[in-house]
PDB file of N, CA and C in Angstrom:
ATOM      1  N   MET A   1       0.737  -1.104  -0.256  1.00  0.00           N
ATOM      2  CA  MET A   1       0.056   0.047  -0.148  1.00  0.00           C
ATOM      3  C   MET A   1       1.335   0.783   0.192  1.00  0.00           C
ATOM      4  N   THR A   2       0.196   2.311  -0.826  1.00  0.00           N
ATOM      5  CA  THR A   2       1.261   3.674  -1.123  1.00  0.00           C
ATOM      6  C   THR A   2       0.662   4.465   0.166  1.00  0.00           C
ATOM      7  N   LEU A   3       1.235   5.371   0.672  1.00  0.00           N
ATOM      8  CA  LEU A   3       1.471   6.296   1.110  1.00  0.00           C
ATOM      9  C   LEU A   3       0.405   8.022   0.702  1.00  0.00           C
ATOM     10  N   ASN A   4      -1.087   8.020   1.729  1.00  0.00           N
ATOM     11  CA  ASN A   4      -1.337   8.679   1.099  1.00  0.00           C
ATOM     12  C   ASN A   4      -0.772  10.166   1.745  1.00  0.00           C
ATOM     13  N   LEU A   5      -0.291  11.269   0.451  1.00  0.00           N
ATOM     14  CA  LEU A   5       0.642  12.402   1.457  1.00  0.00           C
ATOM     15  C   LEU A   5      -0.209  13.296   1.603  1.00  0.00           C
ATOM     16  N   PRO A   6      -0.972  14.013   2.567  1.00  0.00           N
ATOM     17  CA  PRO A   6      -1.770  15.134   2.502  1.00  0.00           C
ATOM     18  C   PRO A   6      -1.133  16.479   2.194  1.00  0.00           C
ATOM     19  N   THR A   7      -1.876  17.305   1.543  1.00  0.00           N
ATOM     20  CA  THR A   7      -1.790  17.925   0.539  1.00  0.00           C
ATOM     21  C   THR A   7      -0.138  19.281   1.386  1.00  0.00           C
ATOM     22  N   GLU A   8      -0.278  19.357   2.699  1.00  0.00           N
ATOM     23  CA  GLU A   8       0.893  20.079   3.250  1.00  0.00           C
ATOM     24  C   GLU A   8       2.125  19.346   3.158  1.00  0.00           C
ATOM     25  N   TRP A   9       2.558  18.084   2.506  1.00  0.00           N
ATOM     26  CA  TRP A   9       3.155  17.555   2.477  1.00  0.00           C
ATOM     27  C   TRP A   9       3.957  16.976   0.963  1.00  0.00           C
ATOM     28  N   GLN A  10       5.165  16.612   0.860  1.00  0.00           N
ATOM     29  CA  GLN A  10       5.782  16.609  -0.314  1.00  0.00           C
ATOM     30  C   GLN A  10       6.798  15.611  -0.489  1.00  0.00           C
ATOM     31  N   GLU A  11       6.795  14.611  -1.567  1.00  0.00           N
ATOM     32  CA  GLU A  11       7.803  13.795  -1.329  1.00  0.00           C
ATOM     33  C   GLU A  11       9.072  14.078  -1.437  1.00  0.00           C
ATOM     34  N   VAL A  12      10.317  13.651  -1.100  1.00  0.00           N
ATOM     35  CA  VAL A  12      11.462  14.026  -1.400  1.00  0.00           C
ATOM     36  C   VAL A  12      12.090  13.349  -2.482  1.00  0.00           C
ATOM     37  N   THR A  13      13.438  13.302  -3.348  1.00  0.00           N
ATOM     38  CA  THR A  13      13.593  12.448  -4.343  1.00  0.00           C
ATOM     39  C   THR A  13      14.574  11.785  -3.418  1.00  0.00           C
ATOM     40  N   SER A  14      15.400  10.501  -4.057  1.00  0.00           N
ATOM     41  CA  SER A  14      16.363   9.989  -3.228  1.00  0.00           C
ATOM     42  C   SER A  14      17.528  10.192  -2.731  1.00  0.00           C
ATOM     43  N   ASP A  15      17.894  11.240  -3.683  1.00  0.00           N
ATOM     44  CA  ASP A  15      18.695  12.317  -3.286  1.00  0.00           C
ATOM     45  C   ASP A  15      18.808  13.308  -2.025  1.00  0.00           C
ATOM     46  N   GLU A  16      17.685  13.886  -1.797  1.00  0.00           N
ATOM     47  CA  GLU A  16      16.986  14.339  -0.569  1.00  0.00           C
ATOM     48  C   GLU A  16      17.003  13.578   0.711  1.00  0.00           C
ATOM     49  N   ALA A  17      16.153  12.126   0.030  1.00  0.00           N
ATOM     50  CA  ALA A  17      16.100  11.857   1.327  1.00  0.00           C
ATOM     51  C   ALA A  17      17.569  11.445   1.660  1.00  0.00           C
ATOM     52  N   HIS A  18      18.102  10.947   1.178  1.00  0.00           N
ATOM     53  CA  HIS A  18      19.741  10.554   1.930  1.00  0.00           C
ATOM     54  C   HIS A  18      20.245  11.482   2.490  1.00  0.00           C
ATOM     55  N   ALA A  19      20.064  12.840   1.631  1.00  0.00           N
ATOM     56  CA  ALA A  19      20.889  13.796   2.622  1.00  0.00           C
ATOM     57  C   ALA A  19      20.378  14.478   3.952  1.00  0.00           C
ATOM     58  N   PHE A  20      18.531  13.679   4.213  1.00  0.00           N
ATOM     59  CA  PHE A  20      18.199  14.659   5.598  1.00  0.00           C
ATOM     60  C   PHE A  20      18.383  13.332   6.268  1.00  0.00           C
ATOM     61  N   GLU A  21      18.824  11.766   5.954  1.00  0.00           N
ATOM     62  CA  GLU A  21      18.669  10.544   6.464  1.00  0.00           C
ATOM     63  C   GLU A  21      20.373  11.188   7.086  1.00  0.00           C
ATOM     64  N   ILE A  22      21.211  11.466   6.996  1.00  0.00           N
ATOM     65  CA  ILE A  22      22.291  11.931   7.274  1.00  0.00           C
ATOM     66  C   ILE A  22      22.628  12.864   8.093  1.00  0.00           C
ATOM     67  N   GLU A  23      21.451  14.241   8.188  1.00  0.00           N
ATOM     68  CA  GLU A  23      21.429  14.968   8.714  1.00  0.00           C
ATOM     69  C   GLU A  23      20.643  14.539  10.018  1.00  0.00           C
ATOM     70  N   LEU A  24      19.777  13.472  10.300  1.00  0.00           N
ATOM     71  CA  LEU A  24      19.071  13.389  11.163  1.00  0.00           C
ATOM     72  C   LEU A  24      19.749  12.547  12.338  1.00  0.00           C
ATOM     73  N   ALA A  25      20.901  11.711  11.601  1.00  0.00           N
ATOM     74  CA  ALA A  25      21.601  10.841  12.787  1.00  0.00           C
ATOM     75  C   ALA A  25      23.032  11.817  13.082  1.00  0.00           C
ATOM     76  N   ARG A  26      23.172  12.459  12.369  1.00  0.00           N
ATOM     77  CA  ARG A  26      23.824  13.782  12.717  1.00  0.00           C
ATOM     78  C   ARG A  26      23.287  14.624  13.984  1.00  0.00           C
ATOM     79  N   GLU A  27      22.118  15.121  14.045  1.00  0.00           N
ATOM     80  CA  GLU A  27      21.447  15.634  15.105  1.00  0.00           C
ATOM     81  C   GLU A  27      21.485  14.719  16.333  1.00  0.00           C
ATOM     82  N   LEU A  28      21.100  13.549  15.935  1.00  0.00           N
ATOM     83  CA  LEU A  28      20.514  12.453  17.294  1.00  0.00           C
ATOM     84  C   LEU A  28      21.323  12.368  18.281  1.00  0.00           C
ATOM     85  N   CYS A  29      21.677  12.471  19.808  1.00  0.00           N
ATOM     86  CA  CYS A  29      22.333  12.166  20.557  1.00  0.00           C
ATOM     87  C   CYS A  29      21.817  10.641  20.532  1.00  0.00           C
ATOM     88  N   SER A  30      23.402   9.776  21.772  1.00  0.00           N
ATOM     89  CA  SER A  30      22.679   8.312  21.951  1.00  0.00           C
ATOM     90  C   SER A  30      21.439   8.634  22.368  1.00  0.00           C
ATOM     91  N   ASN A  31      20.583   9.349  23.243  1.00  0.00           N
ATOM     92  CA  ASN A  31      19.683   8.907  24.427  1.00  0.00           C
ATOM     93  C   ASN A  31      18.220   9.021  23.472  1.00  0.00           C
ATOM     94  N   HIS A  32      18.149   9.444  22.366  1.00  0.00           N
ATOM     95  CA  HIS A  32      16.473   9.595  21.598  1.00  0.00           C
ATOM     96  C   HIS A  32      16.546   8.434  20.926  1.00  0.00           C
ATOM     97  N   ILE A  33      15.259   8.892  20.883  1.00  0.00           N
ATOM     98  CA  ILE A  33      14.440   7.770  20.412  1.00  0.00           C
ATOM     99  C   ILE A  33      14.768   7.101  19.133  1.00  0.00           C
ATOM    100  N   LEU A  34      15.331   7.770  18.343  1.00  0.00           N
ATOM    101  CA  LEU A  34      15.453   7.286  17.199  1.00  0.00           C
ATOM    102  C   LEU A  34      17.025   7.005  16.904  1.00  0.00           C
ATOM    103  N   ALA A  35      17.789   7.045  17.764  1.00  0.00           N
ATOM    104  CA  ALA A  35      19.171   6.689  17.898  1.00  0.00           C
ATOM    105  C   ALA A  35      19.888   5.349  17.009  1.00  0.00           C
ATOM    106  N   GLY A  36      19.879   4.923  16.442  1.00  0.00           N
ATOM    107  CA  GLY A  36      20.566   3.845  16.203  1.00  0.00           C
ATOM    108  C   GLY A  36      19.400   2.981  15.049  1.00  0.00           C
ATOM    109  N   VAL A  37      18.341   3.630  14.801  1.00  0.00           N
ATOM    110  CA  VAL A  37      17.238   2.959  14.390  1.00  0.00           C
ATOM    111  C   VAL A  37      17.382   3.006  12.654  1.00  0.00           C
ATOM    112  N   SER A  38      17.172   2.268  11.986  1.00  0.00           N
ATOM    113  CA  SER A  38      16.594   2.225  10.576  1.00  0.00           C
ATOM    114  C   SER A  38      15.782   2.965  10.041  1.00  0.00           C
ATOM    115  N   VAL A  39      16.256   3.877   9.109  1.00  0.00           N
ATOM    116  CA  VAL A  39      14.834   4.821   8.883  1.00  0.00           C
ATOM    117  C   VAL A  39      15.382   5.390   7.435  1.00  0.00           C
ATOM    118  N   LYS A  40      14.145   5.837   6.690  1.00  0.00           N
ATOM    119  CA  LYS A  40      14.133   6.338   5.489  1.00  0.00           C
ATOM    120  C   LYS A  40      13.533   7.419   5.336  1.00  0.00           C
ATOM    121  N   CYS A  41      13.855   8.419   4.805  1.00  0.00           N
ATOM    122  CA  CYS A  41      12.717   9.445   4.870  1.00  0.00           C
ATOM    123  C   CYS A  41      12.059   9.800   3.469  1.00  0.00           C
ATOM    124  N   ILE A  42      11.102   9.953   4.137  1.00  0.00           N
ATOM    125  CA  ILE A  42      10.041   9.214   2.938  1.00  0.00           C
ATOM    126  C   ILE A  42       9.307  11.380   2.035  1.00  0.00           C
ATOM    127  N   ALA A  43       8.979  11.980   2.869  1.00  0.00           N
ATOM    128  CA  ALA A  43       8.710  13.135   2.774  1.00  0.00           C
ATOM    129  C   ALA A  43       8.534  14.781   3.023  1.00  0.00           C
ATOM    130  N   ARG A  44       8.571  16.052   3.238  1.00  0.00           N
ATOM    131  CA  ARG A  44       8.853  16.854   3.561  1.00  0.00           C
ATOM    132  C   ARG A  44       7.673  18.061   4.114  1.00  0.00           C
ATOM    133  N   ARG A  45       7.394  18.490   5.042  1.00  0.00           N
ATOM    134  CA  ARG A  45       6.253  19.459   4.893  1.00  0.00           C
ATOM    135  C   ARG A  45       6.517  20.700   4.775  1.00  0.00           C
ATOM    136  N   GLN A  46       5.947  21.238   3.698  1.00  0.00           N
ATOM    137  CA  GLN A  46       5.935  22.579   3.087  1.00  0.00           C
ATOM    138  C   GLN A  46       6.116  23.400   4.190  1.00  0.00           C
ATOM    139  N   GLY A  47       7.114  24.224   3.688  1.00  0.00           N
ATOM    140  CA  GLY A  47       7.314  25.497   4.593  1.00  0.00           C
ATOM    141  C   GLY A  47       8.008  25.234   5.946  1.00  0.00           C
ATOM    142  N   ARG A  48       8.309  23.926   6.161  1.00  0.00           N
ATOM    143  CA  ARG A  48       8.957  23.440   7.674  1.00  0.00           C
ATOM    144  C   ARG A  48       9.969  22.595   7.642  1.00  0.00           C
ATOM    145  N   ASP A  49      10.297  22.568   8.467  1.00  0.00           N
ATOM    146  CA  ASP A  49      11.978  21.517   9.034  1.00  0.00           C
ATOM    147  C   ASP A  49      11.118  19.790   9.583  1.00  0.00           C
ATOM    148  N   ASP A  50       9.908  19.612   9.304  1.00  0.00           N
ATOM    149  CA  ASP A  50       9.348  18.493   9.596  1.00  0.00           C
ATOM    150  C   ASP A  50      10.020  17.519   8.390  1.00  0.00           C
ATOM    151  N   PHE A  51      10.001  16.229   8.333  1.00  0.00           N
ATOM    152  CA  PHE A  51      10.521  15.787   7.833  1.00  0.00           C
ATOM    153  C   PHE A  51       9.783  13.994   8.591  1.00  0.00           C
ATOM    154  N   LEU A  52       8.892  13.386   7.370  1.00  0.00           N
ATOM    155  CA  LEU A  52       8.199  11.879   7.538  1.00  0.00           C
ATOM    156  C   LEU A  52       9.411  10.815   6.923  1.00  0.00           C
ATOM    157  N   PHE A  53       9.658   9.937   8.417  1.00  0.00           N
ATOM    158  CA  PHE A  53      10.838   9.203   8.023  1.00  0.00           C
ATOM    159  C   PHE A  53       9.752   7.310   8.681  1.00  0.00           C
ATOM    160  N   ARG A  54      10.489   6.496   7.580  1.00  0.00           N
ATOM    161  CA  ARG A  54       9.835   5.268   7.701  1.00  0.00           C
ATOM    162  C   ARG A  54      11.086   4.443   8.719  1.00  0.00           C
ATOM    163  N   VAL A  55      10.547   3.943   9.994  1.00  0.00           N
ATOM    164  CA  VAL A  55      11.490   3.896  10.988  1.00  0.00           C
ATOM    165  C   VAL A  55      10.978   2.483  10.907  1.00  0.00           C
ATOM    166  N   HIS A  56      12.099   1.746  11.895  1.00  0.00           N
ATOM    167  CA  HIS A  56      11.613  -0.209  12.426  1.00  0.00           C
ATOM    168  C   HIS A  56      11.834   0.643  14.010  1.00  0.00           C
ATOM    169  N   LEU A  57      10.876   0.516  14.268  1.00  0.00           N
ATOM    170  CA  LEU A  57      10.412   0.377  15.808  1.00  0.00           C
ATOM    171  C   LEU A  57       9.757  -0.446  16.193  1.00  0.00           C
ATOM    172  N   ASP A  58       9.625  -1.381  17.516  1.00  0.00           N
ATOM    173  CA  ASP A  58       8.670  -2.259  17.941  1.00  0.00           C
ATOM    174  C   ASP A  58       6.983  -2.045  17.388  1.00  0.00           C
ATOM    175  N   GLU A  59       6.738  -0.563  17.843  1.00  0.00           N
ATOM    176  CA  GLU A  59       5.252  -0.801  17.817  1.00  0.00           C
ATOM    177  C   GLU A  59       5.070   0.590  17.092  1.00  0.00           C
ATOM    178  N   SER A  60       5.920   1.318  15.907  1.00  0.00           N
ATOM    179  CA  SER A  60       6.175   2.445  15.206  1.00  0.00           C
ATOM    180  C   SER A  60       6.760   2.187  13.479  1.00  0.00           C
ATOM    181  N   GLU A  61       5.976   2.307  12.865  1.00  0.00           N
ATOM    182  CA  GLU A  61       6.411   2.099  11.684  1.00  0.00           C
ATOM    183  C   GLU A  61       6.753   3.391  11.031  1.00  0.00           C
ATOM    184  N   TYR A  62       6.167   4.223  11.341  1.00  0.00           N
ATOM    185  CA  TYR A  62       7.041   6.126  10.632  1.00  0.00           C
ATOM    186  C   TYR A  62       6.948   7.284  12.251  1.00  0.00           C
ATOM    187  N   ALA A  63       7.851   7.951  11.789  1.00  0.00           N
ATOM    188  CA  ALA A  63       8.242   8.615  12.589  1.00  0.00           C
ATOM    189  C   ALA A  63       7.972  10.437  12.131  1.00  0.00           C
ATOM    190  N   VAL A  64       7.692  11.378  12.555  1.00  0.00           N
ATOM    191  CA  VAL A  64       8.186  12.996  12.032  1.00  0.00           C
ATOM    192  C   VAL A  64       8.719  13.654  12.909  1.00  0.00           C
ATOM    193  N   ALA A  65      10.044  14.009  12.241  1.00  0.00           N
ATOM    194  CA  ALA A  65      11.288  14.129  13.162  1.00  0.00           C
ATOM    195  C   ALA A  65      11.440  16.256  12.634  1.00  0.00           C
ATOM    196  N   HIS A  66      11.519  17.079  13.780  1.00  0.00           N
ATOM    197  CA  HIS A  66      11.711  17.938  13.268  1.00  0.00           C
ATOM    198  C   HIS A  66      13.540  18.642  12.888  1.00  0.00           C
ATOM    199  N   LEU A  67      13.944  18.633  12.320  1.00  0.00           N
ATOM    200  CA  LEU A  67      15.388  18.577  12.401  1.00  0.00           C
ATOM    201  C   LEU A  67      15.452  20.328  12.745  1.00  0.00           C
ATOM    202  N   THR A  68      16.859  20.185  13.203  1.00  0.00           N
ATOM    203  CA  THR A  68      17.486  21.746  14.442  1.00  0.00           C
ATOM    204  C   THR A  68      18.311  21.881  13.015  1.00  0.00           C
ATOM    205  N   TRP A  69      18.982  21.536  12.151  1.00  0.00           N
ATOM    206  CA  TRP A  69      20.400  21.588  11.498  1.00  0.00           C
ATOM    207  C   TRP A  69      21.456  22.172  12.559  1.00  0.00           C
ATOM    208  N   SER A  70      21.459  21.129  13.752  1.00  0.00           N
ATOM    209  CA  SER A  70      22.357  21.385  14.857  1.00  0.00           C
ATOM    210  C   SER A  70      22.406  19.938  15.547  1.00  0.00           C
ATOM    211  N   LYS A  71      23.215  19.944  16.050  1.00  0.00           N
ATOM    212  CA  LYS A  71      23.974  18.689  17.026  1.00  0.00           C
ATOM    213  C   LYS A  71      23.684  18.498  18.026  1.00  0.00           C
ATOM    214  N   GLU A  72      22.415  18.046  18.535  1.00  0.00           N
ATOM    215  CA  GLU A  72      21.507  17.988  19.915  1.00  0.00           C
ATOM    216  C   GLU A  72      22.203  17.107  21.062  1.00  0.00           C
ATOM    217  N   ASN A  73      22.250  17.539  22.129  1.00  0.00           N
ATOM    218  CA  ASN A  73      22.671  17.354  23.766  1.00  0.00           C
ATOM    219  C   ASN A  73      21.692  16.401  24.446  1.00  0.00           C
ATOM    220  N   SER A  74      20.139  16.496  24.056  1.00  0.00           N
ATOM    221  CA  SER A  74      19.438  16.453  24.811  1.00  0.00           C
ATOM    222  C   SER A  74      18.555  15.189  23.399  1.00  0.00           C
ATOM    223  N   PRO A  75      17.574  14.331  24.529  1.00  0.00           N
ATOM    224  CA  PRO A  75      16.821  13.173  23.420  1.00  0.00           C
ATOM    225  C   PRO A  75      15.608  14.023  23.137  1.00  0.00           C
ATOM    226  N   ASP A  76      15.381  15.711  23.636  1.00  0.00           N
ATOM    227  CA  ASP A  76      13.874  16.321  22.794  1.00  0.00           C
ATOM    228  C   ASP A  76      14.338  16.448  22.019  1.00  0.00           C
ATOM    229  N   TRP A  77      15.716  16.359  21.414  1.00  0.00           N
ATOM    230  CA  TRP A  77      15.514  17.034  19.905  1.00  0.00           C
ATOM    231  C   TRP A  77      16.596  16.001  18.873  1.00  0.00           C
ATOM    232  N   PRO A  78      15.951  16.688  17.629  1.00  0.00           N
ATOM    233  CA  PRO A  78      14.879  16.950  17.585  1.00  0.00           C
ATOM    234  C   PRO A  78      13.778  16.443  18.077  1.00  0.00           C
ATOM    235  N   TRP A  79      12.685  17.216  18.233  1.00  0.00           N
ATOM    236  CA  TRP A  79      11.244  16.580  18.557  1.00  0.00           C
ATOM    237  C   TRP A  79      10.957  15.672  17.302  1.00  0.00           C
ATOM    238  N   THR A  80      10.240  14.733  17.611  1.00  0.00           N
ATOM    239  CA  THR A  80       9.374  13.614  16.871  1.00  0.00           C
ATOM    240  C   THR A  80       8.608  12.990  17.782  1.00  0.00           C
ATOM    241  N   THR A  81       7.681  12.595  16.332  1.00  0.00           N
ATOM    242  CA  THR A  81       6.358  11.795  16.836  1.00  0.00           C
ATOM    243  C   THR A  81       6.337  10.857  15.841  1.00  0.00           C
ATOM    244  N   LEU A  82       6.047   9.820  16.894  1.00  0.00           N
ATOM    245  CA  LEU A  82       5.600   8.423  16.345  1.00  0.00           C
ATOM    246  C   LEU A  82       4.662   7.825  16.024  1.00  0.00           C
ATOM    247  N   PHE A  83       3.676   7.391  15.009  1.00  0.00           N
ATOM    248  CA  PHE A  83       2.973   6.839  14.341  1.00  0.00           C
ATOM    249  C   PHE A  83       2.966   5.464  14.369  1.00  0.00           C
ATOM    250  N   ASN A  84       1.902   4.633  14.909  1.00  0.00           N
ATOM    251  CA  ASN A  84       1.897   3.251  14.302  1.00  0.00           C
ATOM    252  C   ASN A  84       2.056   2.600  13.365  1.00  0.00           C
ATOM    253  N   ASP A  85       1.198   2.985  12.100  1.00  0.00           N
ATOM    254  CA  ASP A  85       1.129   2.457  11.062  1.00  0.00           C
ATOM    255  C   ASP A  85       0.758   3.987   9.872  1.00  0.00           C
ATOM    256  N   ARG A  86       0.490   3.474   8.542  1.00  0.00           N
ATOM    257  CA  ARG A  86       0.365   4.501   7.317  1.00  0.00           C
ATOM    258  C   ARG A  86      -1.007   4.981   8.225  1.00  0.00           C
ATOM    259  N   ASN A  87      -1.852   4.506   8.592  1.00  0.00           N
ATOM    260  CA  ASN A  87      -3.068   4.675   8.662  1.00  0.00           C
ATOM    261  C   ASN A  87      -3.040   5.804  10.107  1.00  0.00           C
ATOM    262  N   ASP A  88      -2.154   5.948  11.065  1.00  0.00           N
ATOM    263  CA  ASP A  88      -1.970   6.547  12.080  1.00  0.00           C
ATOM    264  C   ASP A  88      -1.266   7.853  11.775  1.00  0.00           C
ATOM    265  N   PHE A  89      -0.776   7.861  10.578  1.00  0.00           N
ATOM    266  CA  PHE A  89      -0.109   8.890  10.341  1.00  0.00           C
ATOM    267  C   PHE A  89      -0.818   9.781   9.244  1.00  0.00           C
ATOM    268  N   GLU A  90      -1.571   8.994   8.307  1.00  0.00           N
ATOM    269  CA  GLU A  90      -2.475   9.445   7.521  1.00  0.00           C
ATOM    270  C   GLU A  90      -3.528  10.570   7.937  1.00  0.00           C
ATOM    271  N   ASP A  91      -4.007  10.012   9.379  1.00  0.00           N
ATOM    272  CA  ASP A  91      -5.126  10.148  10.143  1.00  0.00           C
ATOM    273  C   ASP A  91      -4.679  11.400  11.179  1.00  0.00           C
ATOM    274  N   ASN A  92      -3.607  11.408  11.452  1.00  0.00           N
ATOM    275  CA  ASN A  92      -3.372  12.270  13.361  1.00  0.00           C
ATOM    276  C   ASN A  92      -2.095  12.981  12.819  1.00  0.00           C
ATOM    277  N   TRP A  93      -1.299  13.381  11.644  1.00  0.00           N
ATOM    278  CA  TRP A  93      -0.241  13.894  11.583  1.00  0.00           C
ATOM    279  C   TRP A  93      -0.357  15.778  12.051  1.00  0.00           C
ATOM    280  N   ARG A  94      -1.480  16.002  11.963  1.00  0.00           N
ATOM    281  CA  ARG A  94      -1.999  17.432  12.064  1.00  0.00           C
ATOM    282  C   ARG A  94      -1.858  17.517  14.204  1.00  0.00           C
ATOM    283  N   ARG A  95      -1.621  16.238  14.647  1.00  0.00           N
ATOM    284  CA  ARG A  95      -1.549  16.764  16.342  1.00  0.00           C
ATOM    285  C   ARG A  95      -0.393  16.821  16.343  1.00  0.00           C
ATOM    286  N   ILE A  96       0.561  17.343  15.105  1.00  0.00           N
ATOM    287  CA  ILE A  96       2.268  17.583  15.589  1.00  0.00           C
ATOM    288  C   ILE A  96       2.173  19.244  15.367  1.00  0.00           C
ATOM    289  N   LEU A  97       1.315  20.029  14.832  1.00  0.00           N
ATOM    290  CA  LEU A  97       0.991  21.340  14.972  1.00  0.00           C
ATOM    291  C   LEU A  97       1.022  22.211  15.712  1.00  0.00           C
ATOM    292  N   ASP A  98       1.803  23.512  15.651  1.00  0.00           N
ATOM    293  CA  ASP A  98       2.219  24.318  16.478  1.00  0.00           C
ATOM    294  C   ASP A  98       1.103  24.535  17.343  1.00  0.00           C
TER     295      ASP A  98
END
């Protein structure tokens, strides 16, 4: 099944995905929920630094991370919202809105 991206989100190219995956890894401290987790960047929220990643965690298949473009020391940054599956993201992504 393919992911139905909301209109506020746009797919990223494979080159962009790779760059954003590297940036996420650079930013994470060892205590962050995504530290050491295999991720694949799928999309970016237009006008924001929010990125949708496919992840491999026990109960979550997707994560939205807000990249800070800095190496972080706190597990709270980059802030991250986990989603159980495709439907959870499609139905609930707005919970990350400021």
